[in-house]
Amino acid sequence: MTFEWTSRNVYVAGHQGLVGSALVRKLTSMGIEPTVRSRSELDLTAASEVSSFFESERPDIVFMAAARVGGIFANDTYPGEFLRDNLAIQLSVLEAARAHGVEKLLFLGSACVYPKHAPQPMKEEHLLTGPLEPTNRAYAVAKIAGLEMCQAYWRQYGCRFISAMPTNTYGPHDNFDLPMSHVLPALLRKFHEARRDSTESVAVWGSGSPRREFIHVDDLADACVFLMERWERPDPVNVGVGEDVSIAELATLIQRVVGFRGKVVYDASKPDGAARRLMDVSRLNALGWKARIGLEEGVRKTYEWFLRQGPA
């Protein structure tokens, strides 16, 4: 089936976030001006508001990038909010998309949906085969519910709702607020401020041994558009780069990019999270897509953006 963008109303839910803003950039580069609404204009947790929006705007294509997200601290501290808000957003948007005849929808899951001790690299079929990582279990459960909802709506109603499960994502418009941010933007800010303030050392949470995979958000947006055009099954698809680094290796890379010359101290009293999170991306690669932005290149681009936008 050939996917046709012409004359389609494309809605990006969560366009002000990390992934949503990258999707807007990607679509704009293709000559598509997506429909967007800010949080103040449309509360995605309010089912009645979302239904009214879909009824009036009649989007044909939906990229579901809206979510409440955060790092280990945020997930561990506010599990109720992460579960409640993500379930509400997903229920509102997916049900409105079904009720108002959306042609195709792509839902963004997360690598954290996989079991804590899943085989590495993690294949799509490892979903729901074991206990989740406790520190972000509430968020993971919400995302799993979204994946299941897409599959259930496909089976029962024939909705073309597909799902992509991205690995750790970073880039422009990331959240650099330390209590709420993920590891890569948090380290960028920490090293930047340490260099700015001539601090002797930077503290990194955990032992530094856990391994993580990172994809630049522009690569993720490209993959999402690729899947929208090519993927016609309810089964989720992993999106990643197929290789990982330890947190210690990541810290060393960021230290080099930022130019911080002090010490790095690992705080083993803080949680590590899962020992390893690496995606098996063979399904996506077999379709003809591979990530193009290397980690150091991506970190440098992100730091340049942070310097333009973030605190000096």
Protein backbone atom coordinates (compact mmCIF):
# COMPACT_ATOMS: atom_id res chain seq x y z
CA MET A 1 0.00 0.00 0.00
CA THR A 2 1.39 3.41 -1.05
CA PHE A 3 1.03 6.03 1.67
CA GLU A 4 -0.25 9.37 0.45
CA TRP A 5 0.39 12.59 2.41
CA THR A 6 -1.36 14.89 -0.08
CA SER A 7 -4.52 16.54 1.24
CA ARG A 8 -4.15 14.78 4.61
CA ASN A 9 -4.73 16.68 7.85
CA VAL A 10 -1.83 15.60 10.07
CA TYR A 11 -2.15 16.16 13.82
CA VAL A 12 0.89 16.01 16.12
CA ALA A 13 -0.19 15.54 19.74
CA GLY A 14 2.48 16.89 22.09
CA HIS A 15 4.15 19.17 19.55
CA GLN A 16 5.92 21.26 22.20
CA GLY A 17 7.79 18.29 23.65
CA LEU A 18 11.04 16.64 22.64
CA VAL A 19 9.61 14.15 20.13
CA GLY A 20 6.62 16.21 19.02
CA SER A 21 8.73 19.23 18.10
CA ALA A 22 11.07 16.99 16.08
CA LEU A 23 8.08 15.53 14.25
CA VAL A 24 6.90 19.04 13.40
CA ARG A 25 10.38 19.87 12.02
CA LYS A 26 10.42 16.67 9.97
CA LEU A 27 6.93 17.13 8.56
CA THR A 28 7.59 20.80 7.78
CA SER A 29 10.70 19.79 5.82
CA MET A 30 8.40 17.52 3.75
CA GLY A 31 6.11 20.44 2.94
CA ILE A 32 3.46 19.37 5.46
CA GLU A 33 2.06 21.89 7.93
CA PRO A 34 0.72 19.78 10.80
CA THR A 35 -2.18 20.71 13.03
CA VAL A 36 -1.06 21.44 16.59
CA ARG A 37 -2.57 22.67 19.84
CA SER A 38 -0.78 23.90 22.95
CA ARG A 39 -1.64 22.64 26.44
CA SER A 40 -3.50 25.87 27.14
CA GLU A 41 -5.60 25.36 24.01
CA LEU A 42 -6.35 21.66 24.46
CA ASP A 43 -6.15 19.57 27.63
CA LEU A 44 -5.39 16.07 26.36
CA THR A 45 -6.41 14.52 29.69
CA ALA A 46 -9.97 15.83 29.19
CA ALA A 47 -11.86 13.36 27.01
CA SER A 48 -14.66 15.78 26.14
CA GLU A 49 -12.23 18.48 24.95
CA VAL A 50 -10.27 15.99 22.87
CA SER A 51 -13.42 14.55 21.31
CA SER A 52 -14.64 18.04 20.37
CA PHE A 53 -11.25 18.83 18.83
CA PHE A 54 -11.29 15.67 16.69
CA GLU A 55 -14.89 16.34 15.65
CA SER A 56 -14.10 19.88 14.50
CA GLU A 57 -10.61 19.36 13.02
CA ARG A 58 -11.09 15.86 11.55
CA PRO A 59 -7.42 14.84 11.45
CA ASP A 60 -6.61 12.01 9.02
CA ILE A 61 -3.17 11.16 10.42
CA VAL A 62 -2.17 11.34 14.09
CA PHE A 63 1.27 11.16 15.69
CA MET A 64 0.67 10.45 19.37
CA ALA A 65 3.75 12.02 20.98
CA ALA A 66 2.03 13.54 24.01
CA ALA A 67 3.01 12.11 27.40
CA ARG A 68 4.09 13.00 30.90
CA VAL A 69 7.75 12.00 31.01
CA GLY A 70 10.76 12.22 33.32
CA GLY A 71 13.88 10.51 34.58
CA ILE A 72 14.42 8.07 37.48
CA PHE A 73 13.83 10.68 40.21
CA ALA A 74 10.61 12.00 38.68
CA ASN A 75 9.22 8.54 37.94
CA ASP A 76 10.07 7.27 41.41
CA THR A 77 8.72 10.37 43.19
CA TYR A 78 5.47 10.95 41.27
CA PRO A 79 4.27 7.47 40.17
CA GLY A 80 0.60 8.31 40.69
CA GLU A 81 0.78 11.37 38.45
CA PHE A 82 2.73 9.52 35.76
CA LEU A 83 0.20 6.68 35.72
CA ARG A 84 -2.90 8.85 35.93
CA ASP A 85 -1.91 11.50 33.39
CA ASN A 86 -0.56 9.11 30.75
CA LEU A 87 -3.56 6.81 31.00
CA ALA A 88 -5.89 9.80 30.67
CA ILE A 89 -4.04 11.24 27.66
CA GLN A 90 -3.93 7.91 25.88
CA LEU A 91 -7.57 7.06 26.52
CA SER A 92 -8.75 10.48 25.36
CA VAL A 93 -6.71 10.60 22.15
CA LEU A 94 -7.02 6.97 21.05
CA GLU A 95 -10.75 6.81 21.68
CA ALA A 96 -11.33 10.12 19.87
CA ALA A 97 -9.24 8.88 16.96
CA ARG A 98 -11.39 5.73 16.77
CA ALA A 99 -14.70 7.53 17.17
CA HIS A 100 -13.95 10.14 14.53
CA GLY A 101 -12.48 7.84 11.91
CA VAL A 102 -8.78 8.71 11.92
CA GLU A 103 -7.16 6.99 8.96
CA LYS A 104 -3.91 6.06 10.73
CA LEU A 105 -2.28 6.74 14.09
CA LEU A 106 1.22 6.15 15.44
CA PHE A 107 1.57 5.72 19.20
CA LEU A 108 4.92 6.31 20.93
CA GLY A 109 5.72 3.73 23.58
CA SER A 110 8.99 3.45 25.51
CA ALA A 111 11.90 1.09 26.11
CA CYS A 112 10.88 0.90 29.77
CA VAL A 113 7.90 -1.28 28.87
CA TYR A 114 10.25 -4.26 28.72
CA PRO A 115 10.88 -6.45 31.78
CA LYS A 116 13.72 -5.43 34.07
CA HIS A 117 15.59 -8.65 33.29
CA ALA A 118 14.62 -8.97 29.64
CA PRO A 119 17.20 -10.67 27.39
CA GLN A 120 19.51 -8.20 25.69
CA PRO A 121 19.07 -6.87 23.11
CA MET A 122 15.34 -6.63 23.75
CA LYS A 123 13.04 -7.95 21.05
CA GLU A 124 9.45 -6.87 20.60
CA GLU A 125 8.23 -10.30 21.70
CA HIS A 126 9.87 -9.84 25.14
CA LEU A 127 7.02 -7.49 26.11
CA LEU A 128 5.02 -8.76 29.11
CA THR A 129 7.36 -11.66 29.87
CA GLY A 130 8.56 -10.55 33.32
CA PRO A 131 8.49 -7.95 36.15
CA LEU A 132 9.15 -4.30 35.31
CA GLU A 133 11.88 -2.01 36.67
CA PRO A 134 10.34 -0.69 39.95
CA THR A 135 11.56 2.92 39.62
CA ASN A 136 9.48 3.59 36.49
CA ARG A 137 6.87 0.86 36.72
CA ALA A 138 3.89 3.23 36.84
CA TYR A 139 4.96 4.99 33.64
CA ALA A 140 5.72 1.65 31.98
CA VAL A 141 2.29 0.25 32.90
CA ALA A 142 0.63 3.29 31.33
CA LYS A 143 2.65 2.88 28.14
CA ILE A 144 1.90 -0.84 28.01
CA ALA A 145 -1.79 0.02 28.29
CA GLY A 146 -1.40 2.34 25.29
CA LEU A 147 0.29 -0.38 23.24
CA GLU A 148 -2.43 -2.87 24.18
CA MET A 149 -5.15 -0.34 23.36
CA CYS A 150 -3.73 0.19 19.87
CA GLN A 151 -3.63 -3.56 19.26
CA ALA A 152 -7.12 -4.10 20.73
CA TYR A 153 -8.63 -1.32 18.61
CA TRP A 154 -6.95 -2.77 15.51
CA ARG A 155 -8.45 -6.20 16.21
CA GLN A 156 -11.92 -5.13 17.30
CA TYR A 157 -12.55 -2.00 15.24
CA GLY A 158 -10.06 -2.29 12.37
CA CYS A 159 -8.28 0.91 13.43
CA ARG A 160 -4.87 1.35 11.77
CA PHE A 161 -3.16 2.23 15.05
CA ILE A 162 0.54 1.31 15.00
CA SER A 163 3.12 1.58 17.79
CA ALA A 164 6.79 2.52 17.92
CA MET A 165 8.91 1.83 21.00
CA PRO A 166 11.85 4.25 21.07
CA THR A 167 14.97 3.84 23.14
CA ASN A 168 16.28 6.73 25.29
CA THR A 169 15.76 9.88 23.22
CA TYR A 170 17.59 13.20 23.42
CA GLY A 171 18.05 16.40 21.43
CA PRO A 172 16.64 19.92 21.03
CA HIS A 173 13.69 20.77 23.31
CA ASP A 174 14.71 18.12 25.84
CA ASN A 175 13.93 18.72 29.51
CA PHE A 176 17.05 20.02 31.29
CA ASP A 177 15.35 20.54 34.65
CA LEU A 178 17.49 18.35 36.92
CA PRO A 179 14.76 16.81 39.14
CA MET A 180 12.67 15.88 36.10
CA SER A 181 15.19 15.19 33.34
CA HIS A 182 16.55 11.97 31.88
CA VAL A 183 20.20 11.04 32.29
CA LEU A 184 21.69 12.61 29.14
CA PRO A 185 20.21 16.12 29.44
CA ALA A 186 20.81 16.02 33.20
CA LEU A 187 24.50 15.28 32.69
CA LEU A 188 24.80 17.96 30.01
CA ARG A 189 23.44 20.55 32.39
CA LYS A 190 25.52 19.31 35.33
CA PHE A 191 28.78 19.42 33.39
CA HIS A 192 27.90 22.77 31.84
CA GLU A 193 27.18 24.37 35.21
CA ALA A 194 30.28 22.81 36.76
CA ARG A 195 32.44 24.27 34.03
CA ARG A 196 30.70 27.65 34.25
CA ASP A 197 31.09 27.78 38.04
CA SER A 198 34.60 26.24 38.13
CA THR A 199 33.32 23.40 40.32
CA GLU A 200 35.88 20.73 41.21
CA SER A 201 33.66 17.71 40.61
CA VAL A 202 30.38 16.49 39.14
CA ALA A 203 28.25 13.86 40.90
CA VAL A 204 26.66 11.20 38.73
CA TRP A 205 23.82 9.08 40.08
CA GLY A 206 24.55 5.39 40.54
CA SER A 207 27.62 3.29 39.86
CA GLY A 208 28.13 4.31 36.24
CA SER A 209 27.93 0.67 35.11
CA PRO A 210 24.38 0.47 33.68
CA ARG A 211 24.32 0.48 29.90
CA ARG A 212 21.90 2.56 27.86
CA GLU A 213 21.12 3.18 24.21
CA PHE A 214 20.49 6.71 22.96
CA ILE A 215 18.83 7.95 19.78
CA HIS A 216 18.82 11.55 18.59
CA VAL A 217 15.27 12.84 18.37
CA ASP A 218 15.64 13.83 14.70
CA ASP A 219 16.42 10.20 13.89
CA LEU A 220 13.38 9.12 15.90
CA ALA A 221 11.12 11.56 14.05
CA ASP A 222 12.45 10.27 10.73
CA ALA A 223 11.72 6.69 11.84
CA CYS A 224 8.18 7.61 12.90
CA VAL A 225 7.41 9.11 9.49
CA PHE A 226 9.01 6.05 7.85
CA LEU A 227 6.79 3.70 9.90
CA MET A 228 3.69 5.76 9.18
CA GLU A 229 4.40 5.24 5.49
CA ARG A 230 5.50 1.58 5.62
CA TRP A 231 4.22 -0.32 8.66
CA GLU A 232 0.78 -1.93 8.38
CA ARG A 233 0.59 -4.28 11.36
CA PRO A 234 -0.55 -3.88 14.98
CA ASP A 235 2.71 -5.35 16.31
CA PRO A 236 4.98 -2.69 17.90
CA VAL A 237 8.33 -1.81 16.36
CA ASN A 238 11.51 -0.99 18.31
CA VAL A 239 13.25 2.23 17.29
CA GLY A 240 16.89 2.58 18.29
CA VAL A 241 20.46 2.59 17.07
CA GLY A 242 21.38 -0.98 17.99
CA GLU A 243 24.32 -0.17 20.28
CA ASP A 244 24.72 1.08 23.83
CA VAL A 245 27.22 2.75 26.18
CA SER A 246 27.71 2.65 29.92
CA ILE A 247 26.63 5.67 31.96
CA ALA A 248 30.31 6.17 32.79
CA GLU A 249 31.17 6.23 29.07
CA LEU A 250 28.36 8.67 28.46
CA ALA A 251 29.59 10.91 31.28
CA THR A 252 33.11 10.89 29.81
CA LEU A 253 31.76 11.81 26.37
CA ILE A 254 29.66 14.68 27.74
CA GLN A 255 32.55 15.87 29.90
CA ARG A 256 34.68 16.07 26.76
CA VAL A 257 32.01 17.84 24.69
CA VAL A 258 31.35 20.43 27.40
CA GLY A 259 35.04 20.89 28.22
CA PHE A 260 34.81 20.21 31.96
CA ARG A 261 38.22 19.33 33.42
CA GLY A 262 37.29 18.39 36.99
CA LYS A 263 36.51 15.03 38.56
CA VAL A 264 33.52 12.77 38.04
CA VAL A 265 32.18 11.18 41.24
CA TYR A 266 29.69 8.31 41.17
CA ASP A 267 27.08 8.27 43.93
CA ALA A 268 26.36 4.57 44.46
CA SER A 269 23.72 5.41 47.07
CA LYS A 270 21.45 6.50 44.21
CA PRO A 271 19.56 3.94 42.10
CA ASP A 272 21.03 2.55 38.90
CA GLY A 273 17.78 1.38 37.37
CA ALA A 274 17.94 -1.59 35.02
CA ALA A 275 21.44 -2.96 34.36
CA ARG A 276 21.06 -2.73 30.59
CA ARG A 277 18.56 -1.45 28.06
CA LEU A 278 19.44 -2.19 24.44
CA MET A 279 16.86 -2.51 21.69
CA ASP A 280 16.88 -5.20 19.03
CA VAL A 281 16.14 -3.11 15.94
CA SER A 282 16.29 -5.89 13.38
CA ARG A 283 12.57 -5.51 12.56
CA LEU A 284 12.99 -1.83 11.70
CA ASN A 285 16.31 -2.34 9.91
CA ALA A 286 14.76 -5.08 7.78
CA LEU A 287 12.20 -2.54 6.57
CA GLY A 288 15.07 -0.37 5.31
CA TRP A 289 15.59 2.20 8.08
CA LYS A 290 18.72 2.83 10.17
CA ALA A 291 19.74 5.67 12.49
CA ARG A 292 22.20 8.16 10.99
CA ILE A 293 23.25 10.49 13.83
CA GLY A 294 26.13 9.17 15.97
CA LEU A 295 26.10 9.73 19.73
CA GLU A 296 28.95 12.24 19.90
CA GLU A 297 27.60 14.21 16.95
CA GLY A 298 24.15 14.22 18.52
CA VAL A 299 25.44 15.29 21.94
CA ARG A 300 27.41 18.14 20.37
CA LYS A 301 24.35 19.34 18.46
CA THR A 302 22.24 19.12 21.60
CA TYR A 303 24.78 21.05 23.65
CA GLU A 304 24.96 23.77 20.99
CA TRP A 305 21.17 24.05 21.15
CA PHE A 306 21.27 24.14 24.95
CA LEU A 307 23.80 26.97 24.89
CA ARG A 308 21.47 28.97 22.63
CA GLN A 309 18.34 28.24 24.64
CA GLY A 310 19.31 27.19 28.14
CA PRO A 311 20.92 28.97 31.08
CA ALA A 312 24.24 30.62 30.25
